[in-house]
Amino acid sequence: MIKSVGFLLVNPQLPENIGFCARALKNFGFKKLDIINPKEKWPNKKAIATSVGASDILNKTKIYSSLKIASNKYDVIYASTARKRDINKKHLSFKQFIESIKKNRNKKIGILFGPEASGLSNEDIGYSNYIFKIPVHKKFESLNLSHSLIIVCFEIFKLLKPSFFKKEKHLGDIASKKKLNVFIDFLETRLDKKGFFVPKEKKKNMLINLRNIFGRIELSNKELRILSSVFSKL
């Protein structure tokens, strides 16, 4: 489905932001970037410079003279806006936006972003099916264009690639409790000889703390052997 999701930038003002957006797309496996009436001439060296390895995205970027023409290639378009709009359009919370993406995952989806200074106009939003807003702190709601886009990319990526977010597998060679106990006994013997357990009445608690430290780490057999050698030398 990632291939069916495209990002549309309407009247972007800074070519550097376009480059950052291309980089954000590539970070999460997206490839489609459409630009509608960029302020500066295209292609642009500044955009290539900030794309940092995502120039292939920019090379395939489509430039359109109007949003009407650009919108023709999509089945469903979501418009990103920083403020509530008094227009007859369904407003989605960010959670609802992601749920709607999931519902329409088999369609050609477009995500619409406006120019940095003013955002999307009501006319631009007229080409969308839904409006959504990225939740931010009320005292400062202005988000950089590329920051907005990368948040959306990340959330859709989470939806489409859940396997990337599974917990890491535990090591298969974890030292057994028996080996860990032998190691702790070894430590106790050596530390006793060095007079470490002072005062003696605190020895029990000190040993418990040592056992908790090494038990929490989930040491492998190899790591336990290395530690034993290190402490032997010390």
C-alpha atoms as a PDB file:
ATOM      1  CA  MET A   1       0.000   0.000   0.000  1.00  0.00           C
ATOM      2  CA  ILE A   2       2.909   2.412   0.579  1.00  0.00           C
ATOM      3  CA  LYS A   3       3.218   2.765  -3.180  1.00  0.00           C
ATOM      4  CA  SER A   4      -0.373   3.993  -3.421  1.00  0.00           C
ATOM      5  CA  VAL A   5       0.136   6.885  -0.965  1.00  0.00           C
ATOM      6  CA  GLY A   6       1.225  10.225  -2.394  1.00  0.00           C
ATOM      7  CA  PHE A   7       2.056  13.582  -0.803  1.00  0.00           C
ATOM      8  CA  LEU A   8       0.990  16.863  -2.402  1.00  0.00           C
ATOM      9  CA  LEU A   9       2.693  20.172  -1.572  1.00  0.00           C
ATOM     10  CA  VAL A  10       0.639  23.201  -2.608  1.00  0.00           C
ATOM     11  CA  ASN A  11       2.633  26.373  -3.399  1.00  0.00           C
ATOM     12  CA  PRO A  12       5.694  25.446  -1.294  1.00  0.00           C
ATOM     13  CA  GLN A  13       7.785  28.553  -0.670  1.00  0.00           C
ATOM     14  CA  LEU A  14      11.183  27.173   0.357  1.00  0.00           C
ATOM     15  CA  PRO A  15      12.957  24.631  -1.876  1.00  0.00           C
ATOM     16  CA  GLU A  16      14.912  23.512   1.199  1.00  0.00           C
ATOM     17  CA  ASN A  17      11.655  22.324   2.757  1.00  0.00           C
ATOM     18  CA  ILE A  18      10.859  20.339  -0.368  1.00  0.00           C
ATOM     19  CA  GLY A  19      14.202  18.579   0.007  1.00  0.00           C
ATOM     20  CA  PHE A  20      13.498  17.825   3.650  1.00  0.00           C
ATOM     21  CA  CYS A  21      10.087  16.438   2.666  1.00  0.00           C
ATOM     22  CA  ALA A  22      11.675  14.141   0.078  1.00  0.00           C
ATOM     23  CA  ARG A  23      14.052  12.878   2.744  1.00  0.00           C
ATOM     24  CA  ALA A  24      11.130  12.233   5.115  1.00  0.00           C
ATOM     25  CA  LEU A  25       9.329  10.228   2.434  1.00  0.00           C
ATOM     26  CA  LYS A  26      12.365   8.058   1.794  1.00  0.00           C
ATOM     27  CA  ASN A  27      12.922   7.476   5.530  1.00  0.00           C
ATOM     28  CA  PHE A  28       9.620   5.608   5.617  1.00  0.00           C
ATOM     29  CA  GLY A  29       9.549   4.000   2.178  1.00  0.00           C
ATOM     30  CA  PHE A  30       7.236   6.437   0.376  1.00  0.00           C
ATOM     31  CA  LYS A  31       8.040   7.584  -3.153  1.00  0.00           C
ATOM     32  CA  LYS A  32       5.296   9.833  -4.522  1.00  0.00           C
ATOM     33  CA  LEU A  33       5.781  13.578  -4.141  1.00  0.00           C
ATOM     34  CA  ASP A  34       3.637  16.017  -6.136  1.00  0.00           C
ATOM     35  CA  ILE A  35       4.285  19.755  -6.164  1.00  0.00           C
ATOM     36  CA  ILE A  36       1.712  22.330  -7.196  1.00  0.00           C
ATOM     37  CA  ASN A  37       3.077  25.713  -8.290  1.00  0.00           C
ATOM     38  CA  PRO A  38       6.320  25.923  -6.294  1.00  0.00           C
ATOM     39  CA  LYS A  39       7.430  29.485  -5.573  1.00  0.00           C
ATOM     40  CA  GLU A  40      10.947  28.951  -6.922  1.00  0.00           C
ATOM     41  CA  LYS A  41      12.012  27.483 -10.243  1.00  0.00           C
ATOM     42  CA  TRP A  42      12.101  23.692 -10.507  1.00  0.00           C
ATOM     43  CA  PRO A  43      14.261  21.593 -10.469  1.00  0.00           C
ATOM     44  CA  ASN A  44      16.092  23.340  -7.656  1.00  0.00           C
ATOM     45  CA  LYS A  45      19.637  22.834  -6.325  1.00  0.00           C
ATOM     46  CA  LYS A  46      18.663  23.899  -2.797  1.00  0.00           C
ATOM     47  CA  ALA A  47      16.060  21.153  -2.609  1.00  0.00           C
ATOM     48  CA  ILE A  48      18.551  18.556  -3.852  1.00  0.00           C
ATOM     49  CA  ALA A  49      21.085  19.685  -1.245  1.00  0.00           C
ATOM     50  CA  THR A  50      18.695  19.243   1.688  1.00  0.00           C
ATOM     51  CA  SER A  51      17.261  15.961   0.421  1.00  0.00           C
ATOM     52  CA  VAL A  52      20.518  14.219   1.508  1.00  0.00           C
ATOM     53  CA  GLY A  53      20.304  10.964  -0.408  1.00  0.00           C
ATOM     54  CA  ALA A  54      16.675  11.312  -1.450  1.00  0.00           C
ATOM     55  CA  SER A  55      17.391  13.003  -4.772  1.00  0.00           C
ATOM     56  CA  ASP A  56      15.795  10.020  -6.516  1.00  0.00           C
ATOM     57  CA  ILE A  57      12.476  11.081  -4.961  1.00  0.00           C
ATOM     58  CA  LEU A  58      12.950  14.612  -6.307  1.00  0.00           C
ATOM     59  CA  ASN A  59      13.906  13.333  -9.765  1.00  0.00           C
ATOM     60  CA  LYS A  60      10.537  11.563  -9.987  1.00  0.00           C
ATOM     61  CA  THR A  61       8.564  14.424  -8.422  1.00  0.00           C
ATOM     62  CA  LYS A  62       5.688  15.630 -10.575  1.00  0.00           C
ATOM     63  CA  ILE A  63       5.066  19.371 -10.972  1.00  0.00           C
ATOM     64  CA  TYR A  64       1.499  20.546 -11.596  1.00  0.00           C
ATOM     65  CA  SER A  65       0.062  23.907 -12.536  1.00  0.00           C
ATOM     66  CA  SER A  66      -3.072  23.355 -10.465  1.00  0.00           C
ATOM     67  CA  LEU A  67      -4.323  21.219  -7.617  1.00  0.00           C
ATOM     68  CA  LYS A  68      -7.324  20.282  -9.725  1.00  0.00           C
ATOM     69  CA  ILE A  69      -5.074  18.495 -12.220  1.00  0.00           C
ATOM     70  CA  ALA A  70      -2.900  16.929  -9.492  1.00  0.00           C
ATOM     71  CA  SER A  71      -5.932  15.600  -7.603  1.00  0.00           C
ATOM     72  CA  ASN A  72      -7.156  13.575 -10.589  1.00  0.00           C
ATOM     73  CA  LYS A  73      -4.729  10.728  -9.862  1.00  0.00           C
ATOM     74  CA  TYR A  74      -6.123  10.041  -6.353  1.00  0.00           C
ATOM     75  CA  ASP A  75      -9.278   8.370  -5.064  1.00  0.00           C
ATOM     76  CA  VAL A  76      -9.214   9.912  -1.581  1.00  0.00           C
ATOM     77  CA  ILE A  77      -7.443  13.095  -0.436  1.00  0.00           C
ATOM     78  CA  TYR A  78      -6.793  14.183   3.154  1.00  0.00           C
ATOM     79  CA  ALA A  79      -5.972  17.843   3.811  1.00  0.00           C
ATOM     80  CA  SER A  80      -3.661  18.809   6.669  1.00  0.00           C
ATOM     81  CA  THR A  81      -4.580  22.047   8.412  1.00  0.00           C
ATOM     82  CA  ALA A  82      -3.332  23.812  11.534  1.00  0.00           C
ATOM     83  CA  ARG A  83      -6.631  25.483  12.332  1.00  0.00           C
ATOM     84  CA  LYS A  84     -10.324  24.630  12.398  1.00  0.00           C
ATOM     85  CA  ARG A  85     -12.087  25.477   9.142  1.00  0.00           C
ATOM     86  CA  ASP A  86     -15.674  26.679   8.916  1.00  0.00           C
ATOM     87  CA  ILE A  87     -16.422  24.772   5.744  1.00  0.00           C
ATOM     88  CA  ASN A  88     -18.681  21.866   4.901  1.00  0.00           C
ATOM     89  CA  LYS A  89     -16.025  19.180   5.131  1.00  0.00           C
ATOM     90  CA  LYS A  90     -15.598  16.285   7.551  1.00  0.00           C
ATOM     91  CA  HIS A  91     -13.000  17.091  10.212  1.00  0.00           C
ATOM     92  CA  LEU A  92     -11.043  14.098  11.536  1.00  0.00           C
ATOM     93  CA  SER A  93      -9.018  13.831  14.714  1.00  0.00           C
ATOM     94  CA  PHE A  94      -5.522  12.531  14.082  1.00  0.00           C
ATOM     95  CA  LYS A  95      -6.579   9.105  15.354  1.00  0.00           C
ATOM     96  CA  GLN A  96      -9.600   9.117  13.046  1.00  0.00           C
ATOM     97  CA  PHE A  97      -7.342  10.155  10.180  1.00  0.00           C
ATOM     98  CA  ILE A  98      -5.127   7.087  10.663  1.00  0.00           C
ATOM     99  CA  GLU A  99      -8.191   4.848  11.027  1.00  0.00           C
ATOM    100  CA  SER A 100      -9.576   6.273   7.784  1.00  0.00           C
ATOM    101  CA  ILE A 101      -6.264   5.592   6.041  1.00  0.00           C
ATOM    102  CA  LYS A 102      -6.558   1.984   7.180  1.00  0.00           C
ATOM    103  CA  LYS A 103     -10.126   1.801   5.900  1.00  0.00           C
ATOM    104  CA  ASN A 104      -9.099   3.180   2.488  1.00  0.00           C
ATOM    105  CA  ARG A 105      -5.823   1.303   2.246  1.00  0.00           C
ATOM    106  CA  ASN A 106      -6.776  -0.274  -1.103  1.00  0.00           C
ATOM    107  CA  LYS A 107      -7.382   3.124  -2.734  1.00  0.00           C
ATOM    108  CA  LYS A 108      -5.025   5.731  -4.145  1.00  0.00           C
ATOM    109  CA  ILE A 109      -4.507   8.101  -1.227  1.00  0.00           C
ATOM    110  CA  GLY A 110      -3.226  11.672  -1.349  1.00  0.00           C
ATOM    111  CA  ILE A 111      -2.088  13.729   1.674  1.00  0.00           C
ATOM    112  CA  LEU A 112      -2.329  17.462   1.078  1.00  0.00           C
ATOM    113  CA  PHE A 113      -0.098  20.131   2.665  1.00  0.00           C
ATOM    114  CA  GLY A 114      -0.248  23.889   2.183  1.00  0.00           C
ATOM    115  CA  PRO A 115       2.416  26.610   1.884  1.00  0.00           C
ATOM    116  CA  GLU A 116       4.581  27.337   4.915  1.00  0.00           C
ATOM    117  CA  ALA A 117       3.282  30.822   5.712  1.00  0.00           C
ATOM    118  CA  SER A 118      -0.463  30.510   5.210  1.00  0.00           C
ATOM    119  CA  GLY A 119      -1.407  26.839   4.925  1.00  0.00           C
ATOM    120  CA  LEU A 120      -4.083  25.534   2.598  1.00  0.00           C
ATOM    121  CA  SER A 121      -6.784  27.865   1.341  1.00  0.00           C
ATOM    122  CA  ASN A 122     -10.461  26.922   1.512  1.00  0.00           C
ATOM    123  CA  GLU A 123     -10.337  26.501  -2.238  1.00  0.00           C
ATOM    124  CA  ASP A 124      -7.477  23.994  -1.892  1.00  0.00           C
ATOM    125  CA  ILE A 125      -9.343  22.106   0.820  1.00  0.00           C
ATOM    126  CA  GLY A 126     -12.313  21.881  -1.539  1.00  0.00           C
ATOM    127  CA  TYR A 127     -10.394  19.185  -3.449  1.00  0.00           C
ATOM    128  CA  SER A 128     -10.060  16.998  -0.363  1.00  0.00           C
ATOM    129  CA  ASN A 129     -12.414  14.437   1.122  1.00  0.00           C
ATOM    130  CA  TYR A 130     -11.386  14.997   4.733  1.00  0.00           C
ATOM    131  CA  ILE A 131      -9.545  17.492   6.929  1.00  0.00           C
ATOM    132  CA  PHE A 132      -7.235  16.448   9.741  1.00  0.00           C
ATOM    133  CA  LYS A 133      -5.065  18.254  12.258  1.00  0.00           C
ATOM    134  CA  ILE A 134      -1.845  17.100  13.894  1.00  0.00           C
ATOM    135  CA  PRO A 135      -2.297  17.532  17.663  1.00  0.00           C
ATOM    136  CA  VAL A 136       0.243  19.963  19.130  1.00  0.00           C
ATOM    137  CA  HIS A 137       0.483  22.209  22.186  1.00  0.00           C
ATOM    138  CA  LYS A 138      -2.055  25.044  22.033  1.00  0.00           C
ATOM    139  CA  LYS A 139       0.527  27.685  22.905  1.00  0.00           C
ATOM    140  CA  PHE A 140       2.485  27.028  19.703  1.00  0.00           C
ATOM    141  CA  GLU A 141       0.611  25.208  16.960  1.00  0.00           C
ATOM    142  CA  SER A 142       2.774  26.159  13.990  1.00  0.00           C
ATOM    143  CA  LEU A 143       4.622  23.185  12.518  1.00  0.00           C
ATOM    144  CA  ASN A 144       7.304  23.278   9.852  1.00  0.00           C
ATOM    145  CA  LEU A 145       6.104  21.750   6.577  1.00  0.00           C
ATOM    146  CA  SER A 146       8.629  18.911   6.596  1.00  0.00           C
ATOM    147  CA  HIS A 147       7.966  18.225  10.296  1.00  0.00           C
ATOM    148  CA  SER A 148       4.239  17.868   9.619  1.00  0.00           C
ATOM    149  CA  LEU A 149       4.922  15.556   6.739  1.00  0.00           C
ATOM    150  CA  ILE A 150       7.354  13.311   8.602  1.00  0.00           C
ATOM    151  CA  ILE A 151       4.879  12.871  11.475  1.00  0.00           C
ATOM    152  CA  VAL A 152       2.246  11.706   8.994  1.00  0.00           C
ATOM    153  CA  CYS A 153       4.757   9.432   7.222  1.00  0.00           C
ATOM    154  CA  PHE A 154       5.739   7.834  10.513  1.00  0.00           C
ATOM    155  CA  GLU A 155       2.163   7.193  11.621  1.00  0.00           C
ATOM    156  CA  ILE A 156       1.153   5.654   8.299  1.00  0.00           C
ATOM    157  CA  PHE A 157       4.356   3.594   8.310  1.00  0.00           C
ATOM    158  CA  LYS A 158       3.415   2.263  11.774  1.00  0.00           C
ATOM    159  CA  LEU A 159       0.027   1.299  10.383  1.00  0.00           C
ATOM    160  CA  LEU A 160       1.382  -0.462   7.305  1.00  0.00           C
ATOM    161  CA  LYS A 161       4.535  -2.037   8.765  1.00  0.00           C
ATOM    162  CA  PRO A 162       3.624  -3.272  12.268  1.00  0.00           C
ATOM    163  CA  SER A 163       6.397  -5.876  12.150  1.00  0.00           C
ATOM    164  CA  PHE A 164       8.976  -3.069  12.428  1.00  0.00           C
ATOM    165  CA  PHE A 165       7.623  -2.233  15.876  1.00  0.00           C
ATOM    166  CA  LYS A 166       7.656  -5.688  17.442  1.00  0.00           C
ATOM    167  CA  LYS A 167       9.835  -6.169  20.485  1.00  0.00           C
ATOM    168  CA  GLU A 168      13.348  -7.345  19.804  1.00  0.00           C
ATOM    169  CA  LYS A 169      13.888 -11.036  20.281  1.00  0.00           C
ATOM    170  CA  HIS A 170      15.606 -12.049  23.470  1.00  0.00           C
ATOM    171  CA  LEU A 171      19.064 -13.528  23.188  1.00  0.00           C
ATOM    172  CA  GLY A 172      18.988 -17.274  22.715  1.00  0.00           C
ATOM    173  CA  ASP A 173      22.184 -17.861  24.684  1.00  0.00           C
ATOM    174  CA  ILE A 174      21.150 -16.393  28.034  1.00  0.00           C
ATOM    175  CA  ALA A 175      23.217 -17.748  30.911  1.00  0.00           C
ATOM    176  CA  SER A 176      21.309 -20.152  33.147  1.00  0.00           C
ATOM    177  CA  LYS A 177      20.474 -19.321  36.751  1.00  0.00           C
ATOM    178  CA  LYS A 178      22.900 -22.028  37.851  1.00  0.00           C
ATOM    179  CA  LYS A 179      25.799 -20.364  36.011  1.00  0.00           C
ATOM    180  CA  LEU A 180      24.796 -16.951  37.332  1.00  0.00           C
ATOM    181  CA  ASN A 181      24.719 -18.337  40.884  1.00  0.00           C
ATOM    182  CA  VAL A 182      28.210 -19.791  40.422  1.00  0.00           C
ATOM    183  CA  PHE A 183      29.373 -16.397  39.176  1.00  0.00           C
ATOM    184  CA  ILE A 184      27.858 -14.579  42.183  1.00  0.00           C
ATOM    185  CA  ASP A 185      29.461 -17.116  44.571  1.00  0.00           C
ATOM    186  CA  PHE A 186      32.775 -16.491  42.828  1.00  0.00           C
ATOM    187  CA  LEU A 187      32.319 -12.736  43.300  1.00  0.00           C
ATOM    188  CA  GLU A 188      31.379 -13.175  46.962  1.00  0.00           C
ATOM    189  CA  THR A 189      34.514 -15.213  47.647  1.00  0.00           C
ATOM    190  CA  ARG A 190      36.820 -12.694  45.957  1.00  0.00           C
ATOM    191  CA  LEU A 191      35.147  -9.671  47.547  1.00  0.00           C
ATOM    192  CA  ASP A 192      35.302 -11.326  50.983  1.00  0.00           C
ATOM    193  CA  LYS A 193      39.068 -11.744  50.595  1.00  0.00           C
ATOM    194  CA  LYS A 194      39.397  -8.064  49.715  1.00  0.00           C
ATOM    195  CA  GLY A 195      37.360  -6.971  52.719  1.00  0.00           C
ATOM    196  CA  PHE A 196      34.633  -5.443  50.568  1.00  0.00           C
ATOM    197  CA  PHE A 197      31.675  -6.274  52.803  1.00  0.00           C
ATOM    198  CA  VAL A 198      31.955  -3.577  55.455  1.00  0.00           C
ATOM    199  CA  PRO A 199      30.115  -3.456  57.773  1.00  0.00           C
ATOM    200  CA  LYS A 200      29.512  -7.220  57.782  1.00  0.00           C
ATOM    201  CA  GLU A 201      25.837  -6.892  58.763  1.00  0.00           C
ATOM    202  CA  LYS A 202      25.177  -5.276  55.391  1.00  0.00           C
ATOM    203  CA  LYS A 203      26.734  -8.126  53.419  1.00  0.00           C
ATOM    204  CA  LYS A 204      23.408  -9.844  52.757  1.00  0.00           C
ATOM    205  CA  ASN A 205      21.816  -6.743  51.225  1.00  0.00           C
ATOM    206  CA  MET A 206      24.949  -5.987  49.217  1.00  0.00           C
ATOM    207  CA  LEU A 207      24.863  -9.482  47.730  1.00  0.00           C
ATOM    208  CA  ILE A 208      21.175  -9.087  46.886  1.00  0.00           C
ATOM    209  CA  ASN A 209      21.987  -5.838  45.050  1.00  0.00           C
ATOM    210  CA  LEU A 210      24.808  -7.516  43.128  1.00  0.00           C
ATOM    211  CA  ARG A 211      22.520 -10.396  42.157  1.00  0.00           C
ATOM    212  CA  ASN A 212      19.848  -7.945  40.974  1.00  0.00           C
ATOM    213  CA  ILE A 213      22.379  -6.007  38.888  1.00  0.00           C
ATOM    214  CA  PHE A 214      23.716  -9.025  37.020  1.00  0.00           C
ATOM    215  CA  GLY A 215      20.350 -10.784  36.836  1.00  0.00           C
ATOM    216  CA  ARG A 216      18.682  -7.762  35.241  1.00  0.00           C
ATOM    217  CA  ILE A 217      21.218  -7.520  32.421  1.00  0.00           C
ATOM    218  CA  GLU A 218      20.332 -10.919  30.878  1.00  0.00           C
ATOM    219  CA  LEU A 219      23.958 -11.896  30.360  1.00  0.00           C
ATOM    220  CA  SER A 220      24.854 -14.410  27.693  1.00  0.00           C
ATOM    221  CA  ASN A 221      27.150 -17.338  28.492  1.00  0.00           C
ATOM    222  CA  LYS A 222      29.986 -15.634  26.629  1.00  0.00           C
ATOM    223  CA  GLU A 223      29.496 -12.359  28.530  1.00  0.00           C
ATOM    224  CA  LEU A 224      29.465 -14.229  31.849  1.00  0.00           C
ATOM    225  CA  ARG A 225      32.774 -15.914  30.971  1.00  0.00           C
ATOM    226  CA  ILE A 226      34.303 -12.541  30.042  1.00  0.00           C
ATOM    227  CA  LEU A 227      33.177 -10.961  33.315  1.00  0.00           C
ATOM    228  CA  SER A 228      34.546 -13.891  35.284  1.00  0.00           C
ATOM    229  CA  SER A 229      37.927 -13.478  33.575  1.00  0.00           C
ATOM    230  CA  VAL A 230      37.917  -9.725  34.171  1.00  0.00           C
ATOM    231  CA  PHE A 231      37.151 -10.087  37.890  1.00  0.00           C
ATOM    232  CA  SER A 232      39.757 -12.850  38.220  1.00  0.00           C
ATOM    233  CA  LYS A 233      42.425 -10.512  36.858  1.00  0.00           C
ATOM    234  CA  LEU A 234      41.310  -7.647  39.058  1.00  0.00           C
END
